[in-house]
Protein backbone atom coordinates (compact mmCIF):
# COMPACT_ATOMS: atom_id res chain seq x y z
CA MET A 1 -72.76 13.09 65.02
CA SER A 2 -76.78 12.21 64.89
CA SER A 3 -78.41 11.37 61.26
CA VAL A 4 -80.86 14.01 60.46
CA ARG A 5 -83.19 10.76 59.74
CA PRO A 6 -82.04 8.01 62.00
CA TRP A 7 -84.64 5.79 60.35
CA ARG A 8 -83.24 6.05 56.84
CA ASP A 9 -79.58 4.98 58.07
CA ILE A 10 -78.38 1.53 56.62
CA ALA A 11 -75.06 0.16 58.91
CA ARG A 12 -73.07 -1.47 56.09
CA ARG A 13 -71.52 -4.79 56.28
CA LYS A 14 -67.83 -4.50 57.32
CA SER A 15 -66.14 -5.94 54.41
CA ARG A 16 -62.04 -5.69 53.50
CA GLN A 17 -61.24 -3.26 50.50
CA ILE A 18 -59.96 -4.64 46.82
CA MET A 19 -59.26 -2.56 43.90
CA VAL A 20 -60.61 -3.55 40.06
CA GLY A 21 -58.63 -1.16 38.42
CA LYS A 22 -58.83 1.95 39.80
CA VAL A 23 -62.20 1.52 41.35
CA PRO A 24 -62.17 0.59 45.12
CA VAL A 25 -64.76 -2.09 45.96
CA GLY A 26 -65.46 -2.97 49.61
CA GLY A 27 -64.68 -1.00 52.81
CA ASP A 28 -66.28 2.36 52.51
CA ALA A 29 -65.68 2.65 48.94
CA PRO A 30 -69.05 3.98 46.79
CA ILE A 31 -71.57 0.52 46.54
CA SER A 32 -70.23 0.65 42.23
CA VAL A 33 -72.39 -0.12 39.81
CA GLN A 34 -71.73 -2.87 36.74
CA THR A 35 -73.00 -3.88 33.36
CA MET A 36 -71.66 -6.19 30.73
CA THR A 37 -71.57 -5.63 27.05
CA ASN A 38 -73.71 -8.15 24.46
CA THR A 39 -71.87 -7.18 21.22
CA LEU A 40 -69.55 -10.27 19.82
CA THR A 41 -66.53 -9.32 22.13
CA SER A 42 -64.58 -9.98 18.45
CA ASP A 43 -66.12 -6.86 17.44
CA ALA A 44 -63.97 -4.78 19.15
CA LYS A 45 -65.70 -1.19 17.58
CA SER A 46 -69.21 -2.17 18.71
CA THR A 47 -67.87 -3.26 22.07
CA ILE A 48 -66.45 0.15 22.51
CA ASP A 49 -69.29 1.42 21.38
CA GLN A 50 -71.90 -0.02 23.85
CA ILE A 51 -69.25 0.47 26.71
CA ARG A 52 -69.24 4.51 25.68
CA ARG A 53 -73.03 4.29 25.70
CA CYS A 54 -72.82 2.56 29.16
CA GLU A 55 -70.03 5.08 30.39
CA ASP A 56 -72.36 8.12 29.37
CA ALA A 57 -74.86 5.50 31.87
CA GLY A 58 -72.78 6.02 34.70
CA VAL A 59 -71.27 2.78 34.75
CA ASP A 60 -68.58 2.18 37.06
CA ILE A 61 -66.67 -1.44 35.81
CA ILE A 62 -67.94 -3.38 32.58
CA ARG A 63 -67.53 -6.60 31.62
CA VAL A 64 -67.14 -8.38 28.65
CA SER A 65 -67.45 -11.93 27.69
CA CYS A 66 -64.45 -13.96 26.22
CA PRO A 67 -65.19 -17.40 25.14
CA ASP A 68 -62.52 -17.72 22.44
CA VAL A 69 -59.04 -16.41 20.99
CA GLU A 70 -60.53 -13.60 18.79
CA SER A 71 -62.22 -12.04 21.98
CA THR A 72 -59.29 -11.86 24.04
CA ALA A 73 -57.19 -10.48 21.02
CA ALA A 74 -59.74 -7.60 20.70
CA LEU A 75 -59.55 -7.09 24.58
CA LYS A 76 -56.32 -5.03 24.66
CA GLN A 77 -57.74 -2.35 22.12
CA ILE A 78 -61.28 -2.71 24.36
CA VAL A 79 -59.53 -2.04 27.06
CA ARG A 80 -57.13 0.95 25.85
CA ALA A 81 -60.09 2.70 24.75
CA ALA A 82 -62.35 2.37 28.08
CA ARG A 83 -62.59 4.91 30.51
CA VAL A 84 -63.55 2.49 33.45
CA PRO A 85 -62.10 -1.18 34.59
CA VAL A 86 -62.69 -4.30 32.14
CA VAL A 87 -63.66 -7.40 33.72
CA ALA A 88 -63.32 -10.38 31.69
CA ASP A 89 -65.39 -12.99 31.80
CA ILE A 90 -63.93 -16.45 31.33
CA HIS A 91 -65.93 -19.93 31.62
CA PHE A 92 -63.42 -23.13 31.49
CA HIS A 93 -60.84 -22.29 29.24
CA TYR A 94 -57.87 -21.19 31.58
CA LYS A 95 -55.90 -20.12 28.65
CA ARG A 96 -58.73 -17.50 28.06
CA ALA A 97 -57.77 -16.32 31.72
CA LEU A 98 -54.11 -15.88 30.92
CA GLU A 99 -54.32 -14.06 27.58
CA ALA A 100 -57.36 -11.61 29.25
CA ALA A 101 -54.69 -10.80 31.90
CA ASP A 102 -51.83 -10.04 29.72
CA ALA A 103 -54.50 -8.13 27.95
CA GLY A 104 -55.00 -5.57 30.40
CA ALA A 105 -58.32 -6.87 32.13
CA ALA A 106 -59.05 -5.60 35.54
CA CYS A 107 -60.52 -7.95 36.84
CA LEU A 108 -61.01 -11.86 35.76
CA ARG A 109 -64.42 -13.29 36.61
CA ILE A 110 -63.89 -17.48 36.73
CA ASN A 111 -64.85 -20.13 39.06
CA PRO A 112 -61.82 -21.46 39.87
CA GLY A 113 -62.99 -24.93 40.53
CA ASN A 114 -64.02 -24.96 36.61
CA ILE A 115 -60.34 -23.86 35.37
CA GLY A 116 -59.49 -27.81 35.81
CA SER A 117 -56.42 -29.05 37.74
CA ALA A 118 -54.30 -27.44 40.34
CA GLU A 119 -51.27 -26.47 37.96
CA ARG A 120 -54.28 -24.63 36.07
CA VAL A 121 -55.51 -22.81 39.01
CA ASN A 122 -52.05 -21.56 40.22
CA GLU A 123 -50.94 -20.40 36.19
CA VAL A 124 -54.42 -18.06 36.38
CA VAL A 125 -53.38 -16.84 39.70
CA ASN A 126 -49.96 -16.38 38.69
CA ALA A 127 -51.31 -14.30 35.61
CA ALA A 128 -53.41 -12.21 37.82
CA LYS A 129 -50.78 -11.47 40.25
CA ALA A 130 -48.39 -10.59 37.25
CA ASN A 131 -50.87 -7.83 35.83
CA GLY A 132 -52.60 -6.42 39.01
CA CYS A 133 -55.57 -8.20 38.44
CA ALA A 134 -58.41 -8.77 40.80
CA ILE A 135 -60.61 -11.89 40.55
CA ARG A 136 -64.40 -12.28 40.74
CA ILE A 137 -65.65 -15.78 42.06
CA GLY A 138 -68.92 -16.18 40.39
CA VAL A 139 -71.30 -18.87 41.79
CA ASN A 140 -74.33 -19.40 40.08
CA ALA A 141 -77.62 -21.97 40.68
CA GLY A 142 -77.49 -22.67 37.41
CA SER A 143 -73.98 -24.05 36.88
CA LEU A 144 -73.82 -25.63 40.34
CA GLU A 145 -71.07 -28.39 40.86
CA LYS A 146 -72.49 -32.07 40.30
CA ASP A 147 -71.21 -33.28 43.74
CA LEU A 148 -72.96 -30.23 45.26
CA LEU A 149 -76.35 -30.89 43.43
CA GLU A 150 -75.80 -34.58 44.51
CA LYS A 151 -75.19 -34.06 48.30
CA TYR A 152 -78.09 -31.17 48.53
CA GLY A 153 -80.36 -32.56 46.03
CA GLU A 154 -81.19 -28.86 44.39
CA PRO A 155 -79.79 -25.42 44.40
CA CYS A 156 -79.87 -24.22 48.09
CA PRO A 157 -78.22 -21.33 49.96
CA GLU A 158 -75.89 -23.84 51.72
CA ALA A 159 -74.74 -25.06 48.31
CA LEU A 160 -74.19 -21.71 46.84
CA ILE A 161 -72.34 -20.85 49.98
CA GLU A 162 -70.39 -24.27 49.66
CA SER A 163 -69.21 -23.56 46.31
CA ALA A 164 -68.26 -20.41 47.38
CA LEU A 165 -66.29 -21.05 50.17
CA ASP A 166 -64.58 -24.01 48.22
CA HIS A 167 -63.43 -21.62 45.24
CA ILE A 168 -62.40 -18.84 47.80
CA LYS A 169 -60.10 -21.67 49.75
CA LEU A 170 -58.24 -22.33 46.17
CA LEU A 171 -57.22 -18.81 45.92
CA GLN A 172 -55.94 -18.46 49.55
CA ASP A 173 -54.25 -21.17 49.25
CA ARG A 174 -52.40 -19.87 46.87
CA ASP A 175 -52.18 -16.56 48.96
CA PHE A 176 -54.50 -14.45 46.69
CA HIS A 177 -56.45 -12.36 48.54
CA GLU A 178 -57.62 -9.78 45.92
CA TYR A 179 -60.90 -11.31 45.18
CA LYS A 180 -64.66 -10.46 45.47
CA VAL A 181 -67.59 -13.16 45.36
CA ALA A 182 -71.12 -13.23 44.00
CA VAL A 183 -73.45 -16.32 44.65
CA LYS A 184 -76.43 -15.18 42.03
CA ALA A 185 -79.83 -17.04 41.78
CA SER A 186 -82.67 -16.30 39.50
CA ASP A 187 -85.02 -17.09 42.39
CA VAL A 188 -85.09 -14.02 44.56
CA PHE A 189 -85.40 -15.83 47.98
CA LEU A 190 -82.55 -18.31 47.05
CA ALA A 191 -80.27 -15.57 46.28
CA VAL A 192 -81.00 -13.27 49.40
CA SER A 193 -80.54 -16.10 51.78
CA ALA A 194 -77.34 -17.45 50.12
CA TYR A 195 -76.07 -13.84 50.23
CA MET A 196 -77.06 -13.44 53.60
CA GLY A 197 -74.88 -16.85 54.72
CA LEU A 198 -71.93 -15.68 52.65
CA ALA A 199 -71.89 -12.39 54.40
CA ASP A 200 -71.54 -13.61 57.79
CA ALA A 201 -69.08 -16.25 56.72
CA VAL A 202 -66.32 -14.36 55.24
CA ASP A 203 -64.96 -10.74 54.90
CA CYS A 204 -64.53 -10.16 51.02
CA PRO A 205 -66.93 -7.65 49.05
CA LEU A 206 -69.52 -8.99 47.38
CA HIS A 207 -70.87 -8.64 44.19
CA LEU A 208 -74.54 -8.79 44.04
CA GLY A 209 -76.95 -9.87 40.90
CA ILE A 210 -79.93 -11.57 40.88
CA THR A 211 -79.27 -13.57 37.56
CA GLU A 212 -81.30 -14.11 34.45
CA ALA A 213 -83.77 -11.65 36.07
CA GLY A 214 -86.21 -11.02 33.18
CA GLY A 215 -86.88 -8.30 31.10
CA LEU A 216 -86.82 -4.86 31.30
CA ILE A 217 -90.04 -4.39 33.95
CA GLY A 218 -89.66 -7.64 35.31
CA GLY A 219 -86.42 -8.20 35.67
CA THR A 220 -86.31 -4.58 37.06
CA VAL A 221 -88.91 -5.37 39.81
CA LYS A 222 -87.09 -8.79 40.76
CA SER A 223 -83.45 -6.80 40.95
CA ALA A 224 -84.69 -4.02 43.15
CA LEU A 225 -86.63 -6.63 45.48
CA GLY A 226 -83.30 -8.85 45.87
CA ILE A 227 -80.70 -6.31 45.28
CA GLY A 228 -82.64 -4.11 47.44
CA ASN A 229 -83.42 -6.01 50.32
CA LEU A 230 -79.72 -6.99 50.69
CA LEU A 231 -78.13 -3.41 50.31
CA TRP A 232 -80.97 -2.59 52.71
CA ALA A 233 -79.64 -5.17 55.39
CA GLY A 234 -75.81 -3.11 54.58
CA ILE A 235 -74.81 -6.81 52.44
CA GLY A 236 -73.06 -5.53 49.17
CA ASP A 237 -70.35 -3.58 47.70
CA THR A 238 -70.91 -3.79 43.83
CA ILE A 239 -73.67 -4.39 42.00
CA ARG A 240 -74.93 -5.64 38.23
CA VAL A 241 -78.87 -5.64 37.09
CA SER A 242 -78.90 -8.66 34.70
CA LEU A 243 -81.57 -7.74 32.33
CA SER A 244 -83.21 -8.70 28.73
CA ALA A 245 -82.19 -5.04 28.37
CA GLU A 246 -79.55 -3.17 26.82
CA PRO A 247 -76.57 -2.73 29.34
CA GLU A 248 -77.23 1.49 29.66
CA GLU A 249 -80.64 0.18 31.04
CA GLU A 250 -78.85 -1.86 33.70
CA VAL A 251 -76.92 0.72 34.77
CA ARG A 252 -79.69 3.16 34.95
CA VAL A 253 -82.13 0.70 36.91
CA GLY A 254 -79.06 0.24 39.14
CA TYR A 255 -78.53 3.71 39.80
CA GLU A 256 -82.12 3.52 40.51
CA ILE A 257 -81.57 1.49 43.17
CA LEU A 258 -79.00 2.90 45.03
CA LYS A 259 -80.97 6.14 44.71
CA THR A 260 -83.67 5.05 46.34
CA LEU A 261 -81.72 3.60 49.25
CA GLY A 262 -79.61 6.92 49.53
CA LEU A 263 -76.53 5.09 48.42
CA ARG A 264 -75.30 6.98 45.97
CA THR A 265 -76.91 10.15 44.34
CA ARG A 266 -76.56 10.90 40.04
CA GLY A 267 -78.32 12.92 38.01
CA VAL A 268 -81.86 14.03 38.55
CA ARG A 269 -84.47 11.79 41.36
CA VAL A 270 -87.49 12.28 40.00
CA VAL A 271 -90.78 12.55 42.07
CA SER A 272 -94.42 12.18 40.31
CA CYS A 273 -97.67 11.46 40.76
CA PRO A 274 -99.46 8.40 38.61
CA SER A 275 -101.76 11.28 37.81
CA CYS A 276 -105.34 11.53 37.63
CA ALA A 277 -108.29 13.08 36.36
CA ARG A 278 -107.39 16.30 38.68
CA GLN A 279 -104.33 16.59 36.18
CA GLY A 280 -103.45 19.82 34.89
CA PHE A 281 -101.37 18.78 32.20
CA ASP A 282 -100.38 14.98 30.40
CA VAL A 283 -97.91 13.93 33.71
CA ILE A 284 -97.42 10.05 32.11
CA ARG A 285 -95.80 11.85 29.01
CA THR A 286 -94.14 14.91 30.69
CA VAL A 287 -92.17 12.30 32.84
CA GLN A 288 -91.32 10.28 30.08
CA LYS A 289 -90.33 13.45 28.10
CA LEU A 290 -88.32 15.13 30.82
CA GLU A 291 -86.57 11.96 31.84
CA ASP A 292 -85.77 11.20 28.39
CA ALA A 293 -84.10 15.28 27.89
CA LEU A 294 -82.39 15.51 31.69
CA GLN A 295 -80.27 12.04 30.63
CA HIS A 296 -77.21 13.98 30.08
CA ILE A 297 -77.48 15.97 33.94
CA LYS A 298 -75.10 13.75 35.78
CA THR A 299 -75.55 16.48 39.24
CA PRO A 300 -77.56 15.02 42.01
CA MET A 301 -80.41 16.76 42.48
CA SER A 302 -84.04 16.66 42.46
CA LEU A 303 -87.65 17.38 40.18
CA SER A 304 -91.40 16.94 41.40
CA VAL A 305 -93.75 16.93 38.55
CA LEU A 306 -97.36 16.38 40.05
CA GLY A 307 -100.79 16.93 38.20
CA CYS A 308 -102.58 19.07 40.82
CA VAL A 309 -102.26 20.97 44.17
CA VAL A 310 -103.44 18.16 46.45
CA ASN A 311 -99.78 16.57 47.25
CA GLY A 312 -98.04 19.28 44.53
CA PRO A 313 -97.08 21.65 46.85
CA GLY A 314 -95.74 19.65 49.72
CA GLU A 315 -93.50 17.54 47.26
CA ALA A 316 -92.14 20.96 45.43
CA ARG A 317 -91.11 21.62 49.11
CA GLU A 318 -88.69 18.76 49.59
CA THR A 319 -87.15 19.44 45.87
CA ASP A 320 -85.22 21.39 44.17
CA ILE A 321 -87.19 22.33 41.32
CA GLY A 322 -91.09 21.29 41.25
CA ILE A 323 -94.04 21.64 38.87
CA THR A 324 -97.80 21.37 40.15
CA GLY A 325 -100.42 21.21 37.47
CA GLY A 326 -103.08 24.30 37.69
CA GLY A 327 -106.21 25.06 36.00
CA ASN A 328 -106.24 26.95 32.64
CA GLY A 329 -102.73 25.66 31.16
CA LYS A 330 -101.17 27.72 33.06
CA HIS A 331 -99.13 25.53 36.41
CA MET A 332 -97.30 26.81 39.68
CA VAL A 333 -93.13 26.18 39.23
CA TYR A 334 -91.15 26.45 42.69
CA LEU A 335 -87.52 27.02 43.16
CA SER A 336 -85.74 25.17 46.32
CA GLY A 337 -89.23 24.58 47.37
CA VAL A 338 -90.31 27.83 47.11
CA THR A 339 -93.24 29.29 45.14
CA ASP A 340 -91.57 31.59 42.41
CA HIS A 341 -93.67 31.78 38.97
CA HIS A 342 -96.20 30.24 36.72
CA VAL A 343 -95.35 28.55 33.05
CA GLU A 344 -97.90 27.76 30.40
CA ASP A 345 -98.39 24.40 28.64
CA ALA A 346 -96.61 24.62 25.79
CA ASP A 347 -93.67 26.36 27.37
CA MET A 348 -93.22 23.75 30.00
CA ILE A 349 -90.98 21.05 29.33
CA GLY A 350 -88.37 23.43 27.25
CA HIS A 351 -88.75 25.63 30.72
CA ILE A 352 -88.17 23.27 33.12
CA VAL A 353 -84.82 21.45 31.47
CA LYS A 354 -83.25 24.88 31.39
CA LEU A 355 -84.03 25.23 35.16
CA VAL A 356 -82.68 22.17 35.86
CA GLU A 357 -79.83 22.54 34.08
CA ALA A 358 -79.02 26.04 35.49
CA LYS A 359 -79.55 24.29 39.08
CA ALA A 360 -76.85 21.81 38.16
CA ALA A 361 -74.61 24.34 36.87
CA GLU A 362 -74.82 26.49 40.46
CA ILE A 363 -74.53 23.05 42.50
CA GLU A 364 -71.46 22.19 40.28
CA ALA A 365 -70.25 25.61 40.60
CA GLY A 366 -70.76 25.52 44.50
CA THR A 367 -72.96 28.55 44.39
CA ALA A 368 -76.28 26.51 45.27
CA VAL A 369 -76.77 23.15 47.22
CA SER A 370 -79.39 20.23 46.38
CA MET A 371 -82.72 20.16 48.56
CA ASP A 372 -81.68 16.67 48.53
CA THR A 373 -78.59 17.63 50.53
CA LEU A 374 -80.58 19.97 53.13
CA HIS A 375 -83.01 17.84 54.15
CA GLY A 376 -80.57 14.72 54.63
CA LYS A 377 -81.26 12.61 51.99
CA ALA A 378 -78.17 12.86 49.84
CA ALA A 379 -75.48 9.88 49.82
């Protein structure tokens, strides 16, 4: 069947599929969104509370750091409480990996080469096999092996790829194939080039991320450029946006990247103008209030909020619900792309929220279809 809009099509790289708990990663599975807790893992209650907030934001897989025995001791309770698979982040201490696998982690994030002797790598792989754990090989430009830094002089795509292939070999030599790989860097050019090279060299699923990307705004821009560039090229099976912000913000940004590329849809896709002197209402504050008020909506649908009639009617024709600013505090509301009624300034926010909730309920019940689907934009 031919595409409605072929210029929007993305041909995904063919990778084999693994399971992280109940979540498929790779193959034709939806691209999953991950984040990582920043609480002390040993504080099970705080960690579970944070995981719950991330689950509400839509996270598919969540990672917790396990730097000490107190963390892996708490992991069993955390895994039991979480509704999504939990990845245990392990560095250097191979015993933490064994404990995490036994505690029910769905995946171990390790660098096999950092675990130590061949015997220790064997123990970790055997524990993963025995507990049905996947493994995520995490190569990072900031912690490359000394011999590779000496060989290449600095972190470069070739060094990251060689490190990944060395770690992969350690697993494959032990007949372990349930792994995915990341080659992260804080430099967007370095990360993208490394991922592109690795994508050609292996068939395993790839975990995308621009590491240490920065704060909410700067990190979002860097992540959107890096992760978005790769996804647009068809590369990537699961993503984590690394921000100096709360983990639920990482989840929201991750979904926005996927929504922009038409790879996943979740919640309300907002189309809004930057506002100008023509605006009939305060667009910026209105959008902020609506985004906050609609975070509970999980149903994929669209809302346009434009301040005047220049582009308002055209955008409203493409969205499930639209509002366009008018004169004297009266604004036009569009339903399924068609002009329907007016709303006053004072009632606007509450009115739009009710319309979105009603439309979402109709879509969920199967009595209505999102305009995104009708226009070939839905994933």
